[in-house]
Amino acid sequence: MSDDDNDERNTLLRTLDRGLRVLETVAAGDGSATAKVLSRQLDIKIGTCYHLLRTLVVGGYVVRLSGGRYDVGPRAASLSRHLQRRSGPSPELAVVLARLHARTQETSYLAGWYHGSLVLQHYLTGAHTLHVAALDVGYSAHTHARASCRAVLAHLPQEQVAAMYEGLQLAPLTPHTITDFEELTVELAAVRRQGYAIEREEFTPGVACVSAAFFKEDGAPAGAFTVAVPVSRFDERRDQLVVGVREAASMATSLLRTGRLGVPTRFPSVRSDSHAT
């Protein structure tokens, strides 16, 4: 490949990257994005930003509204539906999440384990206001600091977990985040023994989470159900929340193994040997 070909390829990749970032930011703006705002927010020249927006408008990915504002267009909405159909939860798992939400009245999450990542698939907000930074459908980062990820990681072969984290500096999202691989290994062993994971203010200050994994027919983890609450009321509700996520996980596991959805008639009591943070 010649130098000219390399230059053209790099230019095309930069243009594609900028176009995708513009589309993503427009989608997050809910119809409030303007070219000037996008230019400033994405550090793209205003002329380039207008060119990208015109291209996206012609392609149907973006529509221009009154006042120079932009929102997602029909092709972007169609793409979103296709992606949700491929990566979203099955209707039966969504029903399990709805039961967990109704039982706890707290913000409840469903995540699926795909190709080495735990991807947030769906969530229902609680009756009380709660903001968990960055978490939205499709989120898959910072697996060392999320209760849902620990619930799954605890049931993976130890060599897989080591391949993911050993020798790496784990990002300190808060002062409470576990950043040492050996400490994380100890934590995962505790999760494996007790059947659920707990994290307190390791991902988001002021928020505690409890999570339990569910499993495929071959015994491999398929995902996790999680409930998030303010730390101020976590201790008083902890046992209820643990039972809730474990019931949801049990229902999902039974569904994946038998194809039938039902509520467990018996359920193990909560163990008190957790040292999770």
Protein backbone atom coordinates (compact mmCIF):
# COMPACT_ATOMS: atom_id res chain seq x y z
CA MET A 1 0.00 0.00 0.00
CA SER A 2 1.41 3.41 -1.01
CA ASP A 3 1.78 6.42 1.28
CA ASP A 4 -1.03 8.14 -0.64
CA ASP A 5 -3.33 5.17 0.00
CA ASN A 6 -2.44 5.26 3.71
CA ASP A 7 -3.16 8.99 3.91
CA GLU A 8 -6.53 8.54 2.21
CA ARG A 9 -7.41 5.63 4.50
CA ASN A 10 -6.50 7.61 7.62
CA THR A 11 -8.54 10.58 6.42
CA LEU A 12 -11.57 8.36 5.80
CA LEU A 13 -11.23 6.73 9.24
CA ARG A 14 -11.04 10.15 10.93
CA THR A 15 -14.11 11.29 9.04
CA LEU A 16 -16.02 8.14 10.00
CA ASP A 17 -14.98 8.51 13.63
CA ARG A 18 -16.09 12.15 13.72
CA GLY A 19 -19.38 11.33 12.02
CA LEU A 20 -20.15 8.58 14.51
CA ARG A 21 -19.29 10.85 17.44
CA VAL A 22 -21.58 13.54 16.04
CA LEU A 23 -24.41 11.01 15.64
CA GLU A 24 -23.89 9.69 19.17
CA THR A 25 -23.90 13.19 20.66
CA VAL A 26 -27.00 14.19 18.69
CA ALA A 27 -28.77 11.10 20.03
CA ALA A 28 -27.78 11.98 23.60
CA GLY A 29 -29.02 15.56 23.13
CA ASP A 30 -32.69 14.59 22.69
CA GLY A 31 -33.27 17.24 20.02
CA SER A 32 -31.27 20.03 21.69
CA ALA A 33 -27.98 19.68 19.78
CA THR A 34 -26.87 22.48 17.46
CA ALA A 35 -23.86 22.65 15.17
CA LYS A 36 -22.16 25.19 17.43
CA VAL A 37 -22.69 23.07 20.53
CA LEU A 38 -21.48 19.94 18.75
CA SER A 39 -18.44 21.75 17.40
CA ARG A 40 -17.46 22.97 20.84
CA GLN A 41 -18.30 19.74 22.66
CA LEU A 42 -16.47 17.46 20.21
CA ASP A 43 -13.64 19.87 19.36
CA ILE A 44 -14.50 19.77 15.65
CA LYS A 45 -14.23 22.80 13.38
CA ILE A 46 -17.63 24.36 12.77
CA GLY A 47 -17.35 23.93 8.99
CA THR A 48 -16.49 20.26 9.38
CA CYS A 49 -19.36 19.84 11.82
CA TYR A 50 -21.86 21.32 9.36
CA HIS A 51 -20.52 19.03 6.61
CA LEU A 52 -20.92 15.94 8.83
CA LEU A 53 -24.42 16.99 9.84
CA ARG A 54 -25.47 17.53 6.21
CA THR A 55 -24.13 14.09 5.32
CA LEU A 56 -26.04 12.49 8.20
CA VAL A 57 -29.21 14.37 7.24
CA VAL A 58 -28.97 13.18 3.61
CA GLY A 59 -28.47 9.62 4.87
CA GLY A 60 -31.53 9.83 7.11
CA TYR A 61 -29.54 9.30 10.29
CA VAL A 62 -30.20 12.85 11.53
CA VAL A 63 -33.03 15.34 10.98
CA ARG A 64 -32.79 19.13 11.18
CA LEU A 65 -35.34 20.77 13.45
CA SER A 66 -36.41 24.37 13.79
CA GLY A 67 -33.91 26.73 15.31
CA GLY A 68 -30.93 24.87 13.88
CA ARG A 69 -31.33 21.95 16.24
CA TYR A 70 -30.72 18.32 15.28
CA ASP A 71 -32.16 14.98 16.38
CA VAL A 72 -31.86 11.35 15.31
CA GLY A 73 -33.55 10.42 12.05
CA PRO A 74 -35.51 7.35 10.93
CA ARG A 75 -32.46 5.33 9.83
CA ALA A 76 -30.77 5.84 13.18
CA ALA A 77 -33.98 4.78 14.94
CA SER A 78 -34.17 1.69 12.73
CA LEU A 79 -30.55 0.85 13.50
CA SER A 80 -31.28 1.20 17.20
CA ARG A 81 -34.20 -1.21 16.94
CA HIS A 82 -32.05 -3.78 15.13
CA LEU A 83 -29.32 -3.50 17.76
CA GLN A 84 -31.82 -3.79 20.61
CA ARG A 85 -33.35 -6.88 19.01
CA ARG A 86 -29.90 -8.50 18.79
CA SER A 87 -28.46 -7.48 22.15
CA GLY A 88 -31.51 -6.79 24.29
CA PRO A 89 -33.00 -9.27 26.76
CA SER A 90 -35.62 -11.81 25.82
CA PRO A 91 -39.21 -10.93 26.79
CA GLU A 92 -39.07 -13.60 29.52
CA LEU A 93 -35.95 -12.11 31.12
CA ALA A 94 -37.54 -8.67 30.92
CA VAL A 95 -40.48 -10.10 32.89
CA VAL A 96 -38.08 -11.37 35.56
CA LEU A 97 -36.54 -7.89 35.78
CA ALA A 98 -40.02 -6.38 36.12
CA ARG A 99 -40.75 -8.75 39.03
CA LEU A 100 -37.48 -7.79 40.74
CA HIS A 101 -38.34 -4.11 40.31
CA ALA A 102 -41.87 -4.59 41.64
CA ARG A 103 -40.55 -6.55 44.62
CA THR A 104 -37.84 -4.07 45.62
CA GLN A 105 -39.20 -0.76 44.29
CA GLU A 106 -35.55 0.10 43.63
CA THR A 107 -33.59 0.75 40.45
CA SER A 108 -33.07 -2.68 38.90
CA TYR A 109 -30.70 -3.79 36.15
CA LEU A 110 -30.32 -6.75 33.80
CA ALA A 111 -26.95 -7.39 32.16
CA GLY A 112 -25.83 -10.13 29.78
CA TRP A 113 -22.40 -11.77 29.46
CA TYR A 114 -21.23 -11.66 25.84
CA HIS A 115 -17.77 -12.39 24.45
CA GLY A 116 -15.90 -11.38 27.59
CA SER A 117 -18.00 -8.33 28.48
CA LEU A 118 -20.97 -7.79 30.76
CA VAL A 119 -23.32 -5.52 28.81
CA LEU A 120 -26.17 -3.61 30.44
CA GLN A 121 -29.30 -4.66 28.55
CA HIS A 122 -32.21 -3.09 30.38
CA TYR A 123 -33.07 -1.24 33.58
CA LEU A 124 -36.09 0.07 35.46
CA THR A 125 -35.79 3.12 37.69
CA GLY A 126 -36.92 2.96 41.29
CA ALA A 127 -39.59 4.86 43.12
CA HIS A 128 -36.87 6.99 44.74
CA THR A 129 -34.57 9.31 42.80
CA LEU A 130 -31.21 7.65 42.19
CA HIS A 131 -28.48 8.57 39.72
CA VAL A 132 -25.80 6.05 38.85
CA ALA A 133 -23.25 7.87 36.71
CA ALA A 134 -22.66 6.64 33.14
CA LEU A 135 -24.88 3.55 33.38
CA ASP A 136 -27.08 3.17 30.32
CA VAL A 137 -28.08 0.38 27.98
CA GLY A 138 -24.96 -0.91 26.25
CA TYR A 139 -22.57 0.04 29.05
CA SER A 140 -19.80 -2.53 29.57
CA ALA A 141 -16.84 -0.73 31.16
CA HIS A 142 -15.17 -0.92 34.59
CA THR A 143 -15.98 -4.56 35.25
CA HIS A 144 -13.77 -4.64 38.36
CA ALA A 145 -15.95 -2.09 40.18
CA ARG A 146 -19.49 -3.25 39.39
CA ALA A 147 -21.41 -5.75 41.52
CA SER A 148 -23.02 -7.29 38.44
CA CYS A 149 -19.63 -7.98 36.89
CA ARG A 150 -18.27 -9.53 40.08
CA ALA A 151 -21.32 -11.77 40.30
CA VAL A 152 -20.39 -13.14 36.87
CA LEU A 153 -16.58 -13.06 37.20
CA ALA A 154 -16.79 -15.15 40.37
CA HIS A 155 -18.08 -18.07 38.30
CA LEU A 156 -15.57 -17.87 35.45
CA PRO A 157 -12.42 -20.03 35.34
CA GLN A 158 -9.74 -18.31 37.41
CA GLU A 159 -7.32 -18.27 34.49
CA GLN A 160 -9.81 -16.18 32.49
CA VAL A 161 -10.09 -13.63 35.28
CA ALA A 162 -6.30 -13.53 35.61
CA ALA A 163 -5.96 -12.96 31.86
CA MET A 164 -8.29 -9.97 32.16
CA TYR A 165 -6.73 -8.23 35.16
CA GLU A 166 -3.46 -9.67 36.45
CA GLY A 167 -0.61 -7.16 36.28
CA LEU A 168 -2.92 -4.27 35.36
CA GLN A 169 -3.71 -1.16 37.39
CA LEU A 170 -7.44 -1.19 38.05
CA ALA A 171 -8.99 2.26 37.75
CA PRO A 172 -9.93 3.92 41.09
CA LEU A 173 -13.39 5.25 40.29
CA THR A 174 -13.94 6.27 43.92
CA PRO A 175 -11.81 6.10 47.09
CA HIS A 176 -13.51 2.75 47.84
CA THR A 177 -12.80 0.97 44.54
CA ILE A 178 -10.74 -2.22 44.71
CA THR A 179 -7.67 -1.56 42.55
CA ASP A 180 -5.48 -4.54 43.46
CA PHE A 181 -5.87 -7.81 41.56
CA GLU A 182 -5.16 -10.01 44.60
CA GLU A 183 -7.78 -8.16 46.64
CA LEU A 184 -10.25 -8.55 43.78
CA THR A 185 -9.50 -12.29 43.68
CA VAL A 186 -10.33 -12.60 47.39
CA GLU A 187 -13.54 -10.68 46.81
CA LEU A 188 -14.59 -12.95 43.94
CA ALA A 189 -13.99 -16.02 46.12
CA ALA A 190 -16.38 -14.57 48.71
CA VAL A 191 -18.97 -13.88 46.01
CA ARG A 192 -18.68 -17.46 44.78
CA ARG A 193 -19.24 -18.85 48.31
CA GLN A 194 -22.25 -16.72 49.19
CA GLY A 195 -23.95 -16.61 45.80
CA TYR A 196 -24.22 -12.84 45.36
CA ALA A 197 -22.03 -9.74 45.09
CA ILE A 198 -22.17 -6.47 46.97
CA GLU A 199 -20.34 -3.22 46.30
CA ARG A 200 -20.56 -0.03 48.33
CA GLU A 201 -19.62 3.23 46.65
CA GLU A 202 -16.98 1.60 44.47
CA PHE A 203 -18.59 2.58 41.17
CA THR A 204 -20.57 5.66 42.19
CA PRO A 205 -20.31 7.64 45.45
CA GLY A 206 -23.37 7.28 47.64
CA VAL A 207 -24.68 4.16 45.87
CA ALA A 208 -24.58 0.51 46.94
CA CYS A 209 -25.47 -2.46 44.72
CA VAL A 210 -26.29 -6.11 45.21
CA SER A 211 -26.21 -8.58 42.32
CA ALA A 212 -26.64 -12.27 41.52
CA ALA A 213 -25.63 -14.18 38.41
CA PHE A 214 -27.82 -16.51 36.37
CA PHE A 215 -26.56 -19.44 34.32
CA LYS A 216 -26.96 -21.23 31.01
CA GLU A 217 -27.75 -24.92 30.65
CA ASP A 218 -24.03 -25.81 30.60
CA GLY A 219 -23.43 -23.98 33.90
CA ALA A 220 -21.63 -21.00 32.40
CA PRO A 221 -22.75 -17.56 33.62
CA ALA A 222 -25.18 -15.83 31.25
CA GLY A 223 -25.65 -12.51 33.04
CA ALA A 224 -26.76 -10.91 36.28
CA PHE A 225 -29.60 -9.09 37.98
CA THR A 226 -28.70 -6.07 40.11
CA VAL A 227 -30.43 -3.61 42.42
CA ALA A 228 -28.93 -0.21 43.27
CA VAL A 229 -29.87 1.85 46.33
CA PRO A 230 -28.48 4.84 48.23
CA VAL A 231 -26.05 3.68 50.92
CA SER A 232 -28.18 5.47 53.50
CA ARG A 233 -30.85 2.76 53.33
CA PHE A 234 -28.80 -0.20 52.10
CA ASP A 235 -28.11 -1.84 55.48
CA GLU A 236 -31.77 -1.93 56.51
CA ARG A 237 -32.85 -3.36 53.15
CA ARG A 238 -29.85 -5.57 52.40
CA ASP A 239 -31.41 -8.96 53.15
CA GLN A 240 -34.56 -8.13 51.15
CA LEU A 241 -32.49 -7.00 48.19
CA VAL A 242 -30.27 -10.08 48.30
CA VAL A 243 -33.30 -12.38 48.31
CA GLY A 244 -34.78 -10.37 45.44
CA VAL A 245 -31.79 -10.61 43.11
CA ARG A 246 -31.20 -14.27 43.98
CA GLU A 247 -34.82 -15.11 43.21
CA ALA A 248 -34.54 -13.28 39.88
CA ALA A 249 -31.32 -15.13 39.07
CA SER A 250 -32.89 -18.47 40.00
CA MET A 251 -35.90 -17.79 37.77
CA ALA A 252 -33.65 -16.82 34.85
CA THR A 253 -31.44 -19.88 35.31
CA SER A 254 -34.48 -22.17 35.34
CA LEU A 255 -35.80 -20.45 32.22
CA LEU A 256 -32.55 -20.95 30.31
CA ARG A 257 -32.30 -24.59 31.38
CA THR A 258 -35.92 -25.70 30.99
CA GLY A 259 -37.51 -23.11 28.73
CA ARG A 260 -40.18 -22.48 31.36
CA LEU A 261 -40.69 -19.39 33.48
CA GLY A 262 -41.81 -19.88 37.07
CA VAL A 263 -41.39 -18.58 40.60
CA PRO A 264 -39.25 -20.71 42.97
CA THR A 265 -41.31 -22.29 45.76
CA ARG A 266 -38.32 -22.59 48.08
CA PHE A 267 -35.36 -20.30 48.36
CA PRO A 268 -32.17 -20.45 50.48
CA SER A 269 -31.77 -17.95 53.30
CA VAL A 270 -29.24 -15.13 53.11
CA ARG A 271 -25.80 -16.02 54.37
CA SER A 272 -24.17 -13.47 56.65
CA ASP A 273 -20.52 -14.25 55.92
CA SER A 274 -20.09 -11.49 53.34
CA HIS A 275 -17.17 -9.12 53.70
CA ALA A 276 -17.99 -7.31 50.47
CA THR A 277 -17.36 -3.61 50.32
